[in-house]
Amino acid sequence: MTKVRESPLFSFLPAGESDVAHVFALLDEIDTWLEAELADAMLWIREGLAVRFDEDFRREAAAAMEAGTFDRFVEGHSYRQDMIDNMDY
């Protein structure tokens, strides 16, 4: 029993390779669904931007989505975040 810790498959809840493959396939399905159903949100997430929940931001994001300019909205926020990260202000 003590040799099990040397196994690359050792974990708290041991799973076989087929279980892991099933989990990865499920995660891929979820990613595909998210891309299809929540494309704007996934664009924001892929850009690595922090999620805000305040009313002003929700209003701005909704207006950008309605106008079909959410990609430019994301680019603007990404550019601003880059400036903050690089202290270019």
N, C-alpha and C. Protein backbone atom coordinates (compact mmCIF):
# COMPACT_ATOMS: atom_id res chain seq x y z
N MET A 1 0.81 -1.19 0.00
CA MET A 1 0.00 0.00 0.00
C MET A 1 0.86 1.26 0.00
N THR A 2 2.02 1.25 0.60
CA THR A 2 2.82 2.47 0.66
C THR A 2 3.42 2.83 -0.70
N LYS A 3 3.55 1.90 -1.62
CA LYS A 3 4.12 2.16 -2.94
C LYS A 3 3.17 2.95 -3.84
N VAL A 4 1.91 3.02 -3.48
CA VAL A 4 0.94 3.71 -4.32
C VAL A 4 1.30 5.19 -4.45
N ARG A 5 1.96 5.75 -3.46
CA ARG A 5 2.32 7.17 -3.51
C ARG A 5 3.35 7.47 -4.59
N GLU A 6 4.05 6.50 -5.06
CA GLU A 6 5.03 6.68 -6.13
C GLU A 6 4.37 6.62 -7.51
N SER A 7 3.14 6.24 -7.57
CA SER A 7 2.41 6.11 -8.82
C SER A 7 2.02 7.49 -9.35
N PRO A 8 2.16 7.72 -10.66
CA PRO A 8 1.74 9.02 -11.22
C PRO A 8 0.23 9.22 -11.17
N LEU A 9 -0.54 8.17 -10.94
CA LEU A 9 -1.99 8.27 -10.88
C LEU A 9 -2.52 8.45 -9.46
N PHE A 10 -1.60 8.58 -8.47
CA PHE A 10 -2.03 8.73 -7.09
C PHE A 10 -2.73 10.08 -6.89
N SER A 11 -3.85 10.05 -6.22
CA SER A 11 -4.56 11.28 -5.87
C SER A 11 -5.50 10.97 -4.72
N PHE A 12 -6.18 11.98 -4.24
CA PHE A 12 -7.13 11.75 -3.16
C PHE A 12 -8.29 10.90 -3.63
N LEU A 13 -8.76 11.15 -4.85
CA LEU A 13 -9.83 10.35 -5.44
C LEU A 13 -9.27 9.74 -6.72
N PRO A 14 -8.71 8.56 -6.62
CA PRO A 14 -8.08 7.98 -7.80
C PRO A 14 -9.05 7.82 -8.96
N ALA A 15 -8.58 8.19 -10.13
CA ALA A 15 -9.40 8.08 -11.34
C ALA A 15 -8.59 7.39 -12.41
N GLY A 16 -9.24 6.55 -13.15
CA GLY A 16 -8.57 5.87 -14.25
C GLY A 16 -8.44 6.81 -15.45
N GLU A 17 -7.67 6.39 -16.43
CA GLU A 17 -7.46 7.21 -17.62
C GLU A 17 -8.76 7.47 -18.36
N SER A 18 -9.66 6.49 -18.38
CA SER A 18 -10.93 6.70 -19.08
C SER A 18 -11.78 7.74 -18.36
N ASP A 19 -11.70 7.79 -17.02
CA ASP A 19 -12.43 8.81 -16.26
C ASP A 19 -11.89 10.19 -16.59
N VAL A 20 -10.59 10.33 -16.64
CA VAL A 20 -9.96 11.61 -16.94
C VAL A 20 -10.30 12.05 -18.36
N ALA A 21 -10.27 11.13 -19.29
CA ALA A 21 -10.62 11.46 -20.67
C ALA A 21 -12.06 11.94 -20.76
N HIS A 22 -12.95 11.30 -20.00
CA HIS A 22 -14.36 11.69 -19.98
C HIS A 22 -14.51 13.11 -19.42
N VAL A 23 -13.78 13.42 -18.37
CA VAL A 23 -13.84 14.74 -17.76
C VAL A 23 -13.34 15.79 -18.75
N PHE A 24 -12.22 15.53 -19.42
CA PHE A 24 -11.69 16.48 -20.40
C PHE A 24 -12.67 16.67 -21.56
N ALA A 25 -13.29 15.61 -22.00
CA ALA A 25 -14.27 15.72 -23.08
C ALA A 25 -15.46 16.56 -22.63
N LEU A 26 -15.89 16.36 -21.40
CA LEU A 26 -17.00 17.15 -20.86
C LEU A 26 -16.61 18.63 -20.77
N LEU A 27 -15.41 18.91 -20.30
CA LEU A 27 -14.95 20.30 -20.23
C LEU A 27 -14.86 20.93 -21.61
N ASP A 28 -14.43 20.16 -22.60
CA ASP A 28 -14.41 20.66 -23.98
C ASP A 28 -15.82 20.98 -24.47
N GLU A 29 -16.78 20.13 -24.14
CA GLU A 29 -18.18 20.39 -24.51
C GLU A 29 -18.69 21.66 -23.85
N ILE A 30 -18.34 21.84 -22.60
CA ILE A 30 -18.77 23.05 -21.88
C ILE A 30 -18.16 24.29 -22.52
N ASP A 31 -16.86 24.23 -22.85
CA ASP A 31 -16.21 25.36 -23.53
C ASP A 31 -16.89 25.69 -24.85
N THR A 32 -17.23 24.67 -25.61
CA THR A 32 -17.91 24.87 -26.89
C THR A 32 -19.26 25.52 -26.68
N TRP A 33 -19.99 25.07 -25.68
CA TRP A 33 -21.29 25.65 -25.38
C TRP A 33 -21.15 27.10 -24.94
N LEU A 34 -20.18 27.37 -24.07
CA LEU A 34 -19.98 28.74 -23.61
C LEU A 34 -19.62 29.66 -24.78
N GLU A 35 -18.77 29.19 -25.68
CA GLU A 35 -18.40 30.00 -26.85
C GLU A 35 -19.62 30.30 -27.72
N ALA A 36 -20.52 29.34 -27.83
CA ALA A 36 -21.71 29.53 -28.67
C ALA A 36 -22.75 30.41 -28.00
N GLU A 37 -22.97 30.20 -26.72
CA GLU A 37 -24.04 30.91 -26.02
C GLU A 37 -23.62 32.23 -25.40
N LEU A 38 -22.37 32.33 -25.02
CA LEU A 38 -21.89 33.52 -24.30
C LEU A 38 -20.61 34.05 -24.95
N ALA A 39 -20.67 34.27 -26.25
CA ALA A 39 -19.47 34.67 -26.99
C ALA A 39 -18.85 35.95 -26.46
N ASP A 40 -19.68 36.94 -26.13
CA ASP A 40 -19.14 38.20 -25.63
C ASP A 40 -18.44 38.01 -24.29
N ALA A 41 -19.05 37.25 -23.39
CA ALA A 41 -18.44 36.99 -22.09
C ALA A 41 -17.13 36.23 -22.25
N MET A 42 -17.10 35.27 -23.16
CA MET A 42 -15.87 34.51 -23.38
C MET A 42 -14.77 35.38 -23.98
N LEU A 43 -15.14 36.35 -24.81
CA LEU A 43 -14.16 37.30 -25.35
C LEU A 43 -13.53 38.08 -24.21
N TRP A 44 -14.35 38.56 -23.29
CA TRP A 44 -13.86 39.29 -22.13
C TRP A 44 -12.92 38.41 -21.30
N ILE A 45 -13.31 37.19 -21.07
CA ILE A 45 -12.52 36.26 -20.26
C ILE A 45 -11.20 35.93 -20.95
N ARG A 46 -11.24 35.61 -22.25
CA ARG A 46 -10.01 35.29 -22.98
C ARG A 46 -9.03 36.46 -22.97
N GLU A 47 -9.55 37.68 -22.92
CA GLU A 47 -8.70 38.86 -22.89
C GLU A 47 -8.03 39.01 -21.52
N GLY A 48 -8.52 38.26 -20.53
CA GLY A 48 -7.89 38.26 -19.21
C GLY A 48 -8.29 39.45 -18.35
N LEU A 49 -9.42 40.04 -18.66
CA LEU A 49 -9.87 41.21 -17.91
C LEU A 49 -10.66 40.79 -16.67
N ALA A 50 -10.53 41.59 -15.63
CA ALA A 50 -11.28 41.32 -14.40
C ALA A 50 -12.76 41.57 -14.66
N VAL A 51 -13.58 40.79 -14.00
CA VAL A 51 -15.03 40.92 -14.16
C VAL A 51 -15.53 41.94 -13.14
N ARG A 52 -16.28 42.89 -13.62
CA ARG A 52 -16.89 43.89 -12.75
C ARG A 52 -18.38 43.61 -12.66
N PHE A 53 -18.97 43.94 -11.52
CA PHE A 53 -20.39 43.67 -11.31
C PHE A 53 -21.19 44.93 -10.98
N ASP A 54 -20.55 46.11 -11.06
CA ASP A 54 -21.26 47.32 -10.72
C ASP A 54 -22.26 47.70 -11.82
N GLU A 55 -23.26 48.47 -11.44
CA GLU A 55 -24.35 48.84 -12.34
C GLU A 55 -23.85 49.61 -13.56
N ASP A 56 -22.90 50.53 -13.37
CA ASP A 56 -22.39 51.32 -14.49
C ASP A 56 -21.76 50.42 -15.55
N PHE A 57 -20.95 49.48 -15.11
CA PHE A 57 -20.30 48.59 -16.06
C PHE A 57 -21.32 47.72 -16.79
N ARG A 58 -22.27 47.20 -16.06
CA ARG A 58 -23.30 46.36 -16.69
C ARG A 58 -24.07 47.15 -17.74
N ARG A 59 -24.34 48.41 -17.45
CA ARG A 59 -25.05 49.26 -18.40
C ARG A 59 -24.19 49.50 -19.65
N GLU A 60 -22.90 49.81 -19.46
CA GLU A 60 -21.99 50.04 -20.58
C GLU A 60 -21.83 48.77 -21.43
N ALA A 61 -21.67 47.64 -20.78
CA ALA A 61 -21.51 46.38 -21.50
C ALA A 61 -22.77 46.04 -22.29
N ALA A 62 -23.93 46.22 -21.68
CA ALA A 62 -25.19 45.93 -22.36
C ALA A 62 -25.36 46.83 -23.58
N ALA A 63 -24.99 48.11 -23.44
CA ALA A 63 -25.09 49.04 -24.57
C ALA A 63 -24.15 48.63 -25.70
N ALA A 64 -22.94 48.20 -25.36
CA ALA A 64 -21.98 47.75 -26.38
C ALA A 64 -22.48 46.49 -27.07
N MET A 65 -23.07 45.57 -26.33
CA MET A 65 -23.60 44.35 -26.93
C MET A 65 -24.77 44.67 -27.85
N GLU A 66 -25.64 45.56 -27.40
CA GLU A 66 -26.81 45.93 -28.21
C GLU A 66 -26.39 46.64 -29.49
N ALA A 67 -25.34 47.45 -29.40
CA ALA A 67 -24.87 48.18 -30.58
C ALA A 67 -23.99 47.33 -31.49
N GLY A 68 -23.63 46.13 -31.03
CA GLY A 68 -22.76 45.26 -31.83
C GLY A 68 -21.31 45.69 -31.82
N THR A 69 -20.92 46.44 -30.79
CA THR A 69 -19.55 46.94 -30.69
C THR A 69 -18.82 46.39 -29.47
N PHE A 70 -19.25 45.23 -29.00
CA PHE A 70 -18.64 44.70 -27.78
C PHE A 70 -17.16 44.40 -27.99
N ASP A 71 -16.75 44.00 -29.18
CA ASP A 71 -15.33 43.74 -29.41
C ASP A 71 -14.51 45.01 -29.22
N ARG A 72 -15.00 46.14 -29.67
CA ARG A 72 -14.29 47.41 -29.46
C ARG A 72 -14.31 47.80 -27.98
N PHE A 73 -15.40 47.50 -27.31
CA PHE A 73 -15.52 47.74 -25.87
C PHE A 73 -14.43 46.96 -25.13
N VAL A 74 -14.25 45.70 -25.50
CA VAL A 74 -13.23 44.87 -24.88
C VAL A 74 -11.84 45.40 -25.21
N GLU A 75 -11.61 45.76 -26.47
CA GLU A 75 -10.30 46.31 -26.86
C GLU A 75 -9.95 47.55 -26.05
N GLY A 76 -10.92 48.43 -25.86
CA GLY A 76 -10.69 49.63 -25.08
C GLY A 76 -10.31 49.33 -23.64
N HIS A 77 -11.04 48.40 -23.03
CA HIS A 77 -10.74 48.03 -21.65
C HIS A 77 -9.39 47.30 -21.55
N SER A 78 -9.09 46.50 -22.55
CA SER A 78 -7.82 45.78 -22.55
C SER A 78 -6.66 46.77 -22.70
N TYR A 79 -6.82 47.75 -23.58
CA TYR A 79 -5.78 48.76 -23.78
C TYR A 79 -5.57 49.55 -22.48
N ARG A 80 -6.67 49.93 -21.85
CA ARG A 80 -6.58 50.68 -20.58
C ARG A 80 -5.90 49.84 -19.51
N GLN A 81 -6.23 48.54 -19.44
CA GLN A 81 -5.60 47.67 -18.45
C GLN A 81 -4.11 47.52 -18.73
N ASP A 82 -3.73 47.42 -20.00
CA ASP A 82 -2.31 47.36 -20.36
C ASP A 82 -1.58 48.62 -19.91
N MET A 83 -2.21 49.77 -20.10
CA MET A 83 -1.60 51.03 -19.66
C MET A 83 -1.41 51.04 -18.15
N ILE A 84 -2.40 50.55 -17.43
CA ILE A 84 -2.30 50.49 -15.97
C ILE A 84 -1.20 49.52 -15.56
N ASP A 85 -1.17 48.35 -16.19
CA ASP A 85 -0.16 47.34 -15.85
C ASP A 85 1.26 47.84 -16.11
N ASN A 86 1.42 48.61 -17.19
CA ASN A 86 2.75 49.11 -17.57
C ASN A 86 3.04 50.50 -17.00
N MET A 87 2.12 51.03 -16.20
CA MET A 87 2.25 52.36 -15.60
C MET A 87 2.50 53.42 -16.67
N ASP A 88 1.77 53.35 -17.78
CA ASP A 88 1.88 54.31 -18.89
C ASP A 88 0.78 55.35 -18.80
N TYR A 89 0.67 56.07 -17.72
CA TYR A 89 -0.38 57.06 -17.62
C TYR A 89 0.18 58.38 -17.17
